[in-house]
Amino acid sequence: MQRPYDRELTTEELLRLKDEDIDYSDIPELDDSFWAKARVVMPEQRNKTQITAKFDADMVAWFKAQGRGYQARMNAVLRSYYEAARRTGG
């Protein structure tokens, strides 16, 4: 694939690129070995709101099996998704 650009693009230009026009050749695929080594980075303390939510039982069991703080880890995963979606306009 030939790059459609010859300089570093601005954020606005990157956001306008179609997925198929982005050159990912220098980025490795995220396979099972990546996820085996991945670690949750806990966000700084923030104002929390208590809610009632329903999650898949196997997912809750998996987080609980990792020990104390499972709800904080679930929150960290959701925050990571939220921040990535905000950056990409999702």
PDB file of N, CA and C in Angstrom:
ATOM      1  N   MET A   1       0.845  -1.181   0.000  1.00  0.00           N
ATOM      2  CA  MET A   1       0.000   0.000   0.000  1.00  0.00           C
ATOM      3  C   MET A   1       0.887   1.239   0.000  1.00  0.00           C
ATOM      4  N   GLN A   2       0.571   2.181  -0.819  1.00  0.00           N
ATOM      5  CA  GLN A   2       1.315   3.426  -0.871  1.00  0.00           C
ATOM      6  C   GLN A   2       0.656   4.442   0.049  1.00  0.00           C
ATOM      7  N   ARG A   3       1.471   5.136   0.819  1.00  0.00           N
ATOM      8  CA  ARG A   3       0.929   6.127   1.736  1.00  0.00           C
ATOM      9  C   ARG A   3       0.323   7.294   0.954  1.00  0.00           C
ATOM     10  N   PRO A   4      -0.846   7.774   1.379  1.00  0.00           N
ATOM     11  CA  PRO A   4      -1.471   8.915   0.696  1.00  0.00           C
ATOM     12  C   PRO A   4      -0.933  10.249   1.194  1.00  0.00           C
ATOM     13  N   TYR A   5       0.199  10.219   1.928  1.00  0.00           N
ATOM     14  CA  TYR A   5       0.737  11.441   2.505  1.00  0.00           C
ATOM     15  C   TYR A   5       2.251  11.330   2.578  1.00  0.00           C
ATOM     16  N   ASP A   6       2.929  12.461   2.596  1.00  0.00           N
ATOM     17  CA  ASP A   6       4.389  12.458   2.662  1.00  0.00           C
ATOM     18  C   ASP A   6       4.920  13.279   3.837  1.00  0.00           C
ATOM     19  N   ARG A   7       4.043  13.595   4.777  1.00  0.00           N
ATOM     20  CA  ARG A   7       4.407  14.351   5.966  1.00  0.00           C
ATOM     21  C   ARG A   7       3.518  13.894   7.108  1.00  0.00           C
ATOM     22  N   GLU A   8       3.869  14.333   8.309  1.00  0.00           N
ATOM     23  CA  GLU A   8       3.033  14.006   9.462  1.00  0.00           C
ATOM     24  C   GLU A   8       1.714  14.763   9.339  1.00  0.00           C
ATOM     25  N   LEU A   9       0.602  14.028   9.517  1.00  0.00           N
ATOM     26  CA  LEU A   9      -0.713  14.638   9.377  1.00  0.00           C
ATOM     27  C   LEU A   9      -1.186  15.246  10.689  1.00  0.00           C
ATOM     28  N   THR A  10      -2.033  16.249  10.580  1.00  0.00           N
ATOM     29  CA  THR A  10      -2.646  16.836  11.769  1.00  0.00           C
ATOM     30  C   THR A  10      -3.727  15.896  12.279  1.00  0.00           C
ATOM     31  N   THR A  11      -4.188  16.128  13.496  1.00  0.00           N
ATOM     32  CA  THR A  11      -5.262  15.312  14.058  1.00  0.00           C
ATOM     33  C   THR A  11      -6.501  15.366  13.178  1.00  0.00           C
ATOM     34  N   GLU A  12      -6.839  16.546  12.706  1.00  0.00           N
ATOM     35  CA  GLU A  12      -8.028  16.695  11.849  1.00  0.00           C
ATOM     36  C   GLU A  12      -7.876  15.896  10.560  1.00  0.00           C
ATOM     37  N   GLU A  13      -6.689  15.929   9.969  1.00  0.00           N
ATOM     38  CA  GLU A  13      -6.448  15.166   8.731  1.00  0.00           C
ATOM     39  C   GLU A  13      -6.521  13.665   8.995  1.00  0.00           C
ATOM     40  N   LEU A  14      -5.984  13.232  10.131  1.00  0.00           N
ATOM     41  CA  LEU A  14      -6.054  11.815  10.481  1.00  0.00           C
ATOM     42  C   LEU A  14      -7.495  11.360  10.665  1.00  0.00           C
ATOM     43  N   LEU A  15      -8.303  12.194  11.315  1.00  0.00           N
ATOM     44  CA  LEU A  15      -9.698  11.832  11.547  1.00  0.00           C
ATOM     45  C   LEU A  15     -10.488  11.715  10.249  1.00  0.00           C
ATOM     46  N   ARG A  16     -10.070  12.445   9.226  1.00  0.00           N
ATOM     47  CA  ARG A  16     -10.770  12.395   7.933  1.00  0.00           C
ATOM     48  C   ARG A  16     -10.350  11.204   7.074  1.00  0.00           C
ATOM     49  N   LEU A  17      -9.240  10.530   7.429  1.00  0.00           N
ATOM     50  CA  LEU A  17      -8.789   9.386   6.648  1.00  0.00           C
ATOM     51  C   LEU A  17      -9.765   8.220   6.773  1.00  0.00           C
ATOM     52  N   LYS A  18      -9.993   7.524   5.677  1.00  0.00           N
ATOM     53  CA  LYS A  18     -10.778   6.291   5.719  1.00  0.00           C
ATOM     54  C   LYS A  18      -9.884   5.189   6.277  1.00  0.00           C
ATOM     55  N   ASP A  19     -10.479   4.225   6.981  1.00  0.00           N
ATOM     56  CA  ASP A  19      -9.704   3.132   7.573  1.00  0.00           C
ATOM     57  C   ASP A  19      -8.821   2.438   6.545  1.00  0.00           C
ATOM     58  N   GLU A  20      -9.358   2.202   5.357  1.00  0.00           N
ATOM     59  CA  GLU A  20      -8.598   1.463   4.346  1.00  0.00           C
ATOM     60  C   GLU A  20      -7.416   2.266   3.788  1.00  0.00           C
ATOM     61  N   ASP A  21      -7.375   3.556   4.065  1.00  0.00           N
ATOM     62  CA  ASP A  21      -6.267   4.396   3.592  1.00  0.00           C
ATOM     63  C   ASP A  21      -5.164   4.566   4.641  1.00  0.00           C
ATOM     64  N   ILE A  22      -5.321   3.965   5.800  1.00  0.00           N
ATOM     65  CA  ILE A  22      -4.328   4.097   6.859  1.00  0.00           C
ATOM     66  C   ILE A  22      -3.312   2.967   6.738  1.00  0.00           C
ATOM     67  N   ASP A  23      -2.028   3.323   6.774  1.00  0.00           N
ATOM     68  CA  ASP A  23      -0.944   2.352   6.684  1.00  0.00           C
ATOM     69  C   ASP A  23      -0.619   1.829   8.080  1.00  0.00           C
ATOM     70  N   TYR A  24      -0.976   0.576   8.330  1.00  0.00           N
ATOM     71  CA  TYR A  24      -0.724  -0.052   9.625  1.00  0.00           C
ATOM     72  C   TYR A  24       0.492  -0.984   9.573  1.00  0.00           C
ATOM     73  N   SER A  25       1.266  -0.940   8.493  1.00  0.00           N
ATOM     74  CA  SER A  25       2.343  -1.907   8.299  1.00  0.00           C
ATOM     75  C   SER A  25       3.408  -1.866   9.391  1.00  0.00           C
ATOM     76  N   ASP A  26       3.555  -0.751  10.094  1.00  0.00           N
ATOM     77  CA  ASP A  26       4.567  -0.665  11.143  1.00  0.00           C
ATOM     78  C   ASP A  26       4.005  -0.962  12.530  1.00  0.00           C
ATOM     79  N   ILE A  27       2.746  -1.402  12.596  1.00  0.00           N
ATOM     80  CA  ILE A  27       2.105  -1.703  13.878  1.00  0.00           C
ATOM     81  C   ILE A  27       1.785  -3.204  13.908  1.00  0.00           C
ATOM     82  N   PRO A  28       2.315  -3.938  14.890  1.00  0.00           N
ATOM     83  CA  PRO A  28       2.031  -5.378  14.949  1.00  0.00           C
ATOM     84  C   PRO A  28       0.579  -5.652  15.324  1.00  0.00           C
ATOM     85  N   GLU A  29       0.072  -6.786  14.879  1.00  0.00           N
ATOM     86  CA  GLU A  29      -1.275  -7.219  15.249  1.00  0.00           C
ATOM     87  C   GLU A  29      -1.317  -7.502  16.750  1.00  0.00           C
ATOM     88  N   LEU A  30      -2.449  -7.246  17.388  1.00  0.00           N
ATOM     89  CA  LEU A  30      -2.615  -7.559  18.795  1.00  0.00           C
ATOM     90  C   LEU A  30      -3.177  -8.970  18.902  1.00  0.00           C
ATOM     91  N   ASP A  31      -2.276  -9.940  19.081  1.00  0.00           N
ATOM     92  CA  ASP A  31      -2.691 -11.333  19.160  1.00  0.00           C
ATOM     93  C   ASP A  31      -2.786 -11.778  20.623  1.00  0.00           C
ATOM     94  N   ASP A  32      -2.994 -13.069  20.841  1.00  0.00           N
ATOM     95  CA  ASP A  32      -3.158 -13.590  22.198  1.00  0.00           C
ATOM     96  C   ASP A  32      -1.944 -13.320  23.079  1.00  0.00           C
ATOM     97  N   SER A  33      -0.733 -13.300  22.505  1.00  0.00           N
ATOM     98  CA  SER A  33       0.454 -13.058  23.326  1.00  0.00           C
ATOM     99  C   SER A  33       0.459 -11.627  23.873  1.00  0.00           C
ATOM    100  N   PHE A  34      -0.062 -10.677  23.090  1.00  0.00           N
ATOM    101  CA  PHE A  34      -0.171  -9.298  23.596  1.00  0.00           C
ATOM    102  C   PHE A  34      -1.098  -9.265  24.804  1.00  0.00           C
ATOM    103  N   TRP A  35      -2.285  -9.867  24.659  1.00  0.00           N
ATOM    104  CA  TRP A  35      -3.260  -9.810  25.745  1.00  0.00           C
ATOM    105  C   TRP A  35      -2.814 -10.606  26.961  1.00  0.00           C
ATOM    106  N   ALA A  36      -1.980 -11.622  26.762  1.00  0.00           N
ATOM    107  CA  ALA A  36      -1.466 -12.396  27.898  1.00  0.00           C
ATOM    108  C   ALA A  36      -0.575 -11.529  28.785  1.00  0.00           C
ATOM    109  N   LYS A  37       0.081 -10.531  28.194  1.00  0.00           N
ATOM    110  CA  LYS A  37       0.989  -9.657  28.942  1.00  0.00           C
ATOM    111  C   LYS A  37       0.343  -8.324  29.318  1.00  0.00           C
ATOM    112  N   ALA A  38      -0.846  -8.035  28.811  1.00  0.00           N
ATOM    113  CA  ALA A  38      -1.494  -6.739  29.051  1.00  0.00           C
ATOM    114  C   ALA A  38      -1.856  -6.584  30.529  1.00  0.00           C
ATOM    115  N   ARG A  39      -1.755  -5.380  31.020  1.00  0.00           N
ATOM    116  CA  ARG A  39      -2.098  -5.072  32.406  1.00  0.00           C
ATOM    117  C   ARG A  39      -3.040  -3.865  32.427  1.00  0.00           C
ATOM    118  N   VAL A  40      -3.972  -3.885  33.351  1.00  0.00           N
ATOM    119  CA  VAL A  40      -4.899  -2.769  33.507  1.00  0.00           C
ATOM    120  C   VAL A  40      -4.182  -1.636  34.229  1.00  0.00           C
ATOM    121  N   VAL A  41      -4.262  -0.442  33.677  1.00  0.00           N
ATOM    122  CA  VAL A  41      -3.709   0.739  34.329  1.00  0.00           C
ATOM    123  C   VAL A  41      -4.868   1.453  35.007  1.00  0.00           C
ATOM    124  N   MET A  42      -4.792   1.517  36.320  1.00  0.00           N
ATOM    125  CA  MET A  42      -5.887   2.094  37.083  1.00  0.00           C
ATOM    126  C   MET A  42      -5.871   3.620  36.950  1.00  0.00           C
ATOM    127  N   PRO A  43      -7.020   4.216  36.653  1.00  0.00           N
ATOM    128  CA  PRO A  43      -7.081   5.675  36.542  1.00  0.00           C
ATOM    129  C   PRO A  43      -6.989   6.323  37.922  1.00  0.00           C
ATOM    130  N   GLU A  44      -6.699   7.618  37.921  1.00  0.00           N
ATOM    131  CA  GLU A  44      -6.652   8.348  39.183  1.00  0.00           C
ATOM    132  C   GLU A  44      -8.026   8.337  39.835  1.00  0.00           C
ATOM    133  N   GLN A  45      -8.050   8.562  41.153  1.00  0.00           N
ATOM    134  CA  GLN A  45      -9.322   8.606  41.866  1.00  0.00           C
ATOM    135  C   GLN A  45     -10.216   9.696  41.282  1.00  0.00           C
ATOM    136  N   ARG A  46     -11.449   9.360  41.061  1.00  0.00           N
ATOM    137  CA  ARG A  46     -12.418  10.312  40.528  1.00  0.00           C
ATOM    138  C   ARG A  46     -13.694  10.209  41.340  1.00  0.00           C
ATOM    139  N   ASN A  47     -14.585  11.130  41.102  1.00  0.00           N
ATOM    140  CA  ASN A  47     -15.898  11.097  41.718  1.00  0.00           C
ATOM    141  C   ASN A  47     -16.642   9.868  41.194  1.00  0.00           C
ATOM    142  N   LYS A  48     -17.144   9.034  42.053  1.00  0.00           N
ATOM    143  CA  LYS A  48     -17.840   7.814  41.643  1.00  0.00           C
ATOM    144  C   LYS A  48     -19.344   7.984  41.832  1.00  0.00           C
ATOM    145  N   THR A  49     -20.099   7.326  40.968  1.00  0.00           N
ATOM    146  CA  THR A  49     -21.552   7.285  41.066  1.00  0.00           C
ATOM    147  C   THR A  49     -21.960   5.832  41.185  1.00  0.00           C
ATOM    148  N   GLN A  50     -22.733   5.511  42.202  1.00  0.00           N
ATOM    149  CA  GLN A  50     -23.184   4.138  42.381  1.00  0.00           C
ATOM    150  C   GLN A  50     -24.392   3.893  41.490  1.00  0.00           C
ATOM    151  N   ILE A  51     -24.355   2.772  40.760  1.00  0.00           N
ATOM    152  CA  ILE A  51     -25.459   2.386  39.881  1.00  0.00           C
ATOM    153  C   ILE A  51     -25.740   0.902  40.055  1.00  0.00           C
ATOM    154  N   THR A  52     -26.834   0.476  39.485  1.00  0.00           N
ATOM    155  CA  THR A  52     -27.115  -0.943  39.360  1.00  0.00           C
ATOM    156  C   THR A  52     -26.944  -1.281  37.891  1.00  0.00           C
ATOM    157  N   ALA A  53     -26.109  -2.263  37.617  1.00  0.00           N
ATOM    158  CA  ALA A  53     -25.844  -2.644  36.228  1.00  0.00           C
ATOM    159  C   ALA A  53     -25.831  -4.161  36.129  1.00  0.00           C
ATOM    160  N   LYS A  54     -26.139  -4.658  34.946  1.00  0.00           N
ATOM    161  CA  LYS A  54     -26.108  -6.098  34.710  1.00  0.00           C
ATOM    162  C   LYS A  54     -24.979  -6.401  33.733  1.00  0.00           C
ATOM    163  N   PHE A  55     -24.133  -7.373  34.104  1.00  0.00           N
ATOM    164  CA  PHE A  55     -23.028  -7.824  33.270  1.00  0.00           C
ATOM    165  C   PHE A  55     -23.157  -9.328  33.084  1.00  0.00           C
ATOM    166  N   ASP A  56     -22.514  -9.856  32.070  1.00  0.00           N
ATOM    167  CA  ASP A  56     -22.498 -11.302  31.862  1.00  0.00           C
ATOM    168  C   ASP A  56     -21.837 -11.964  33.071  1.00  0.00           C
ATOM    169  N   ALA A  57     -22.447 -13.049  33.551  1.00  0.00           N
ATOM    170  CA  ALA A  57     -21.982 -13.708  34.772  1.00  0.00           C
ATOM    171  C   ALA A  57     -20.537 -14.181  34.646  1.00  0.00           C
ATOM    172  N   ASP A  58     -20.156 -14.702  33.484  1.00  0.00           N
ATOM    173  CA  ASP A  58     -18.788 -15.195  33.336  1.00  0.00           C
ATOM    174  C   ASP A  58     -17.768 -14.058  33.391  1.00  0.00           C
ATOM    175  N   MET A  59     -18.150 -12.897  32.886  1.00  0.00           N
ATOM    176  CA  MET A  59     -17.251 -11.751  32.918  1.00  0.00           C
ATOM    177  C   MET A  59     -17.052 -11.279  34.359  1.00  0.00           C
ATOM    178  N   VAL A  60     -18.135 -11.183  35.124  1.00  0.00           N
ATOM    179  CA  VAL A  60     -18.029 -10.763  36.529  1.00  0.00           C
ATOM    180  C   VAL A  60     -17.202 -11.784  37.306  1.00  0.00           C
ATOM    181  N   ALA A  61     -17.435 -13.056  37.070  1.00  0.00           N
ATOM    182  CA  ALA A  61     -16.675 -14.102  37.770  1.00  0.00           C
ATOM    183  C   ALA A  61     -15.183 -13.986  37.458  1.00  0.00           C
ATOM    184  N   TRP A  62     -14.848 -13.682  36.219  1.00  0.00           N
ATOM    185  CA  TRP A  62     -13.442 -13.543  35.822  1.00  0.00           C
ATOM    186  C   TRP A  62     -12.790 -12.370  36.546  1.00  0.00           C
ATOM    187  N   PHE A  63     -13.470 -11.223  36.584  1.00  0.00           N
ATOM    188  CA  PHE A  63     -12.915 -10.063  37.290  1.00  0.00           C
ATOM    189  C   PHE A  63     -12.798 -10.354  38.787  1.00  0.00           C
ATOM    190  N   LYS A  64     -13.828 -10.976  39.388  1.00  0.00           N
ATOM    191  CA  LYS A  64     -13.800 -11.285  40.816  1.00  0.00           C
ATOM    192  C   LYS A  64     -12.670 -12.260  41.152  1.00  0.00           C
ATOM    193  N   ALA A  65     -12.396 -13.195  40.252  1.00  0.00           N
ATOM    194  CA  ALA A  65     -11.348 -14.191  40.493  1.00  0.00           C
ATOM    195  C   ALA A  65      -9.967 -13.554  40.612  1.00  0.00           C
ATOM    196  N   GLN A  66      -9.827 -12.328  40.142  1.00  0.00           N
ATOM    197  CA  GLN A  66      -8.541 -11.625  40.228  1.00  0.00           C
ATOM    198  C   GLN A  66      -8.341 -10.958  41.579  1.00  0.00           C
ATOM    199  N   GLY A  67      -9.347 -11.043  42.461  1.00  0.00           N
ATOM    200  CA  GLY A  67      -9.194 -10.525  43.815  1.00  0.00           C
ATOM    201  C   GLY A  67      -9.881  -9.190  44.046  1.00  0.00           C
ATOM    202  N   ARG A  68      -9.558  -8.632  45.206  1.00  0.00           N
ATOM    203  CA  ARG A  68     -10.162  -7.352  45.617  1.00  0.00           C
ATOM    204  C   ARG A  68      -9.966  -6.292  44.548  1.00  0.00           C
ATOM    205  N   GLY A  69     -10.938  -5.393  44.472  1.00  0.00           N
ATOM    206  CA  GLY A  69     -10.840  -4.287  43.529  1.00  0.00           C
ATOM    207  C   GLY A  69     -11.377  -4.617  42.147  1.00  0.00           C
ATOM    208  N   TYR A  70     -12.155  -5.683  42.044  1.00  0.00           N
ATOM    209  CA  TYR A  70     -12.628  -6.079  40.714  1.00  0.00           C
ATOM    210  C   TYR A  70     -13.503  -5.009  40.068  1.00  0.00           C
ATOM    211  N   GLN A  71     -14.303  -4.285  40.871  1.00  0.00           N
ATOM    212  CA  GLN A  71     -15.141  -3.235  40.286  1.00  0.00           C
ATOM    213  C   GLN A  71     -14.289  -2.081  39.773  1.00  0.00           C
ATOM    214  N   ALA A  72     -13.221  -1.760  40.480  1.00  0.00           N
ATOM    215  CA  ALA A  72     -12.310  -0.710  40.021  1.00  0.00           C
ATOM    216  C   ALA A  72     -11.623  -1.136  38.719  1.00  0.00           C
ATOM    217  N   ARG A  73     -11.257  -2.422  38.607  1.00  0.00           N
ATOM    218  CA  ARG A  73     -10.645  -2.903  37.358  1.00  0.00           C
ATOM    219  C   ARG A  73     -11.653  -2.853  36.213  1.00  0.00           C
ATOM    220  N   MET A  74     -12.904  -3.216  36.493  1.00  0.00           N
ATOM    221  CA  MET A  74     -13.938  -3.133  35.455  1.00  0.00           C
ATOM    222  C   MET A  74     -14.089  -1.679  35.007  1.00  0.00           C
ATOM    223  N   ASN A  75     -14.079  -0.753  35.976  1.00  0.00           N
ATOM    224  CA  ASN A  75     -14.175   0.669  35.658  1.00  0.00           C
ATOM    225  C   ASN A  75     -12.988   1.112  34.807  1.00  0.00           C
ATOM    226  N   ALA A  76     -11.781   0.620  35.125  1.00  0.00           N
ATOM    227  CA  ALA A  76     -10.579   0.993  34.376  1.00  0.00           C
ATOM    228  C   ALA A  76     -10.681   0.531  32.919  1.00  0.00           C
ATOM    229  N   VAL A  77     -11.217  -0.659  32.717  1.00  0.00           N
ATOM    230  CA  VAL A  77     -11.392  -1.165  31.350  1.00  0.00           C
ATOM    231  C   VAL A  77     -12.418  -0.313  30.600  1.00  0.00           C
ATOM    232  N   LEU A  78     -13.527   0.008  31.252  1.00  0.00           N
ATOM    233  CA  LEU A  78     -14.539   0.862  30.622  1.00  0.00           C
ATOM    234  C   LEU A  78     -13.983   2.254  30.331  1.00  0.00           C
ATOM    235  N   ARG A  79     -13.198   2.812  31.257  1.00  0.00           N
ATOM    236  CA  ARG A  79     -12.607   4.134  31.032  1.00  0.00           C
ATOM    237  C   ARG A  79     -11.656   4.112  29.845  1.00  0.00           C
ATOM    238  N   SER A  80     -10.867   3.057  29.726  1.00  0.00           N
ATOM    239  CA  SER A  80      -9.940   2.934  28.596  1.00  0.00           C
ATOM    240  C   SER A  80     -10.715   2.933  27.282  1.00  0.00           C
ATOM    241  N   TYR A  81     -11.805   2.180  27.221  1.00  0.00           N
ATOM    242  CA  TYR A  81     -12.644   2.139  26.024  1.00  0.00           C
ATOM    243  C   TYR A  81     -13.250   3.521  25.744  1.00  0.00           C
ATOM    244  N   TYR A  82     -13.764   4.146  26.792  1.00  0.00           N
ATOM    245  CA  TYR A  82     -14.382   5.474  26.682  1.00  0.00           C
ATOM    246  C   TYR A  82     -13.384   6.506  26.145  1.00  0.00           C
ATOM    247  N   GLU A  83     -12.175   6.512  26.714  1.00  0.00           N
ATOM    248  CA  GLU A  83     -11.180   7.501  26.277  1.00  0.00           C
ATOM    249  C   GLU A  83     -10.741   7.259  24.835  1.00  0.00           C
ATOM    250  N   ALA A  84     -10.599   5.992  24.441  1.00  0.00           N
ATOM    251  CA  ALA A  84     -10.233   5.680  23.058  1.00  0.00           C
ATOM    252  C   ALA A  84     -11.352   6.114  22.111  1.00  0.00           C
ATOM    253  N   ALA A  85     -12.597   5.873  22.494  1.00  0.00           N
ATOM    254  CA  ALA A  85     -13.736   6.265  21.643  1.00  0.00           C
ATOM    255  C   ALA A  85     -13.829   7.781  21.524  1.00  0.00           C
ATOM    256  N   ARG A  86     -13.570   8.491  22.605  1.00  0.00           N
ATOM    257  CA  ARG A  86     -13.599   9.965  22.548  1.00  0.00           C
ATOM    258  C   ARG A  86     -12.523  10.497  21.614  1.00  0.00           C
ATOM    259  N   ARG A  87     -11.332   9.876  21.635  1.00  0.00           N
ATOM    260  CA  ARG A  87     -10.245  10.338  20.763  1.00  0.00           C
ATOM    261  C   ARG A  87     -10.576  10.122  19.293  1.00  0.00           C
ATOM    262  N   THR A  88     -11.313   9.057  18.995  1.00  0.00           N
ATOM    263  CA  THR A  88     -11.611   8.741  17.602  1.00  0.00           C
ATOM    264  C   THR A  88     -12.978   9.222  17.167  1.00  0.00           C
ATOM    265  N   GLY A  89     -13.686   9.922  18.053  1.00  0.00           N
ATOM    266  CA  GLY A  89     -15.003  10.443  17.711  1.00  0.00           C
ATOM    267  C   GLY A  89     -16.102   9.405  17.753  1.00  0.00           C
ATOM    268  N   GLY A  90     -15.841   8.266  18.410  1.00  0.00           N
ATOM    269  CA  GLY A  90     -16.813   7.174  18.470  1.00  0.00           C
ATOM    270  C   GLY A  90     -17.850   7.324  19.519  1.00  0.00           C
TER     271      GLY A  90
END
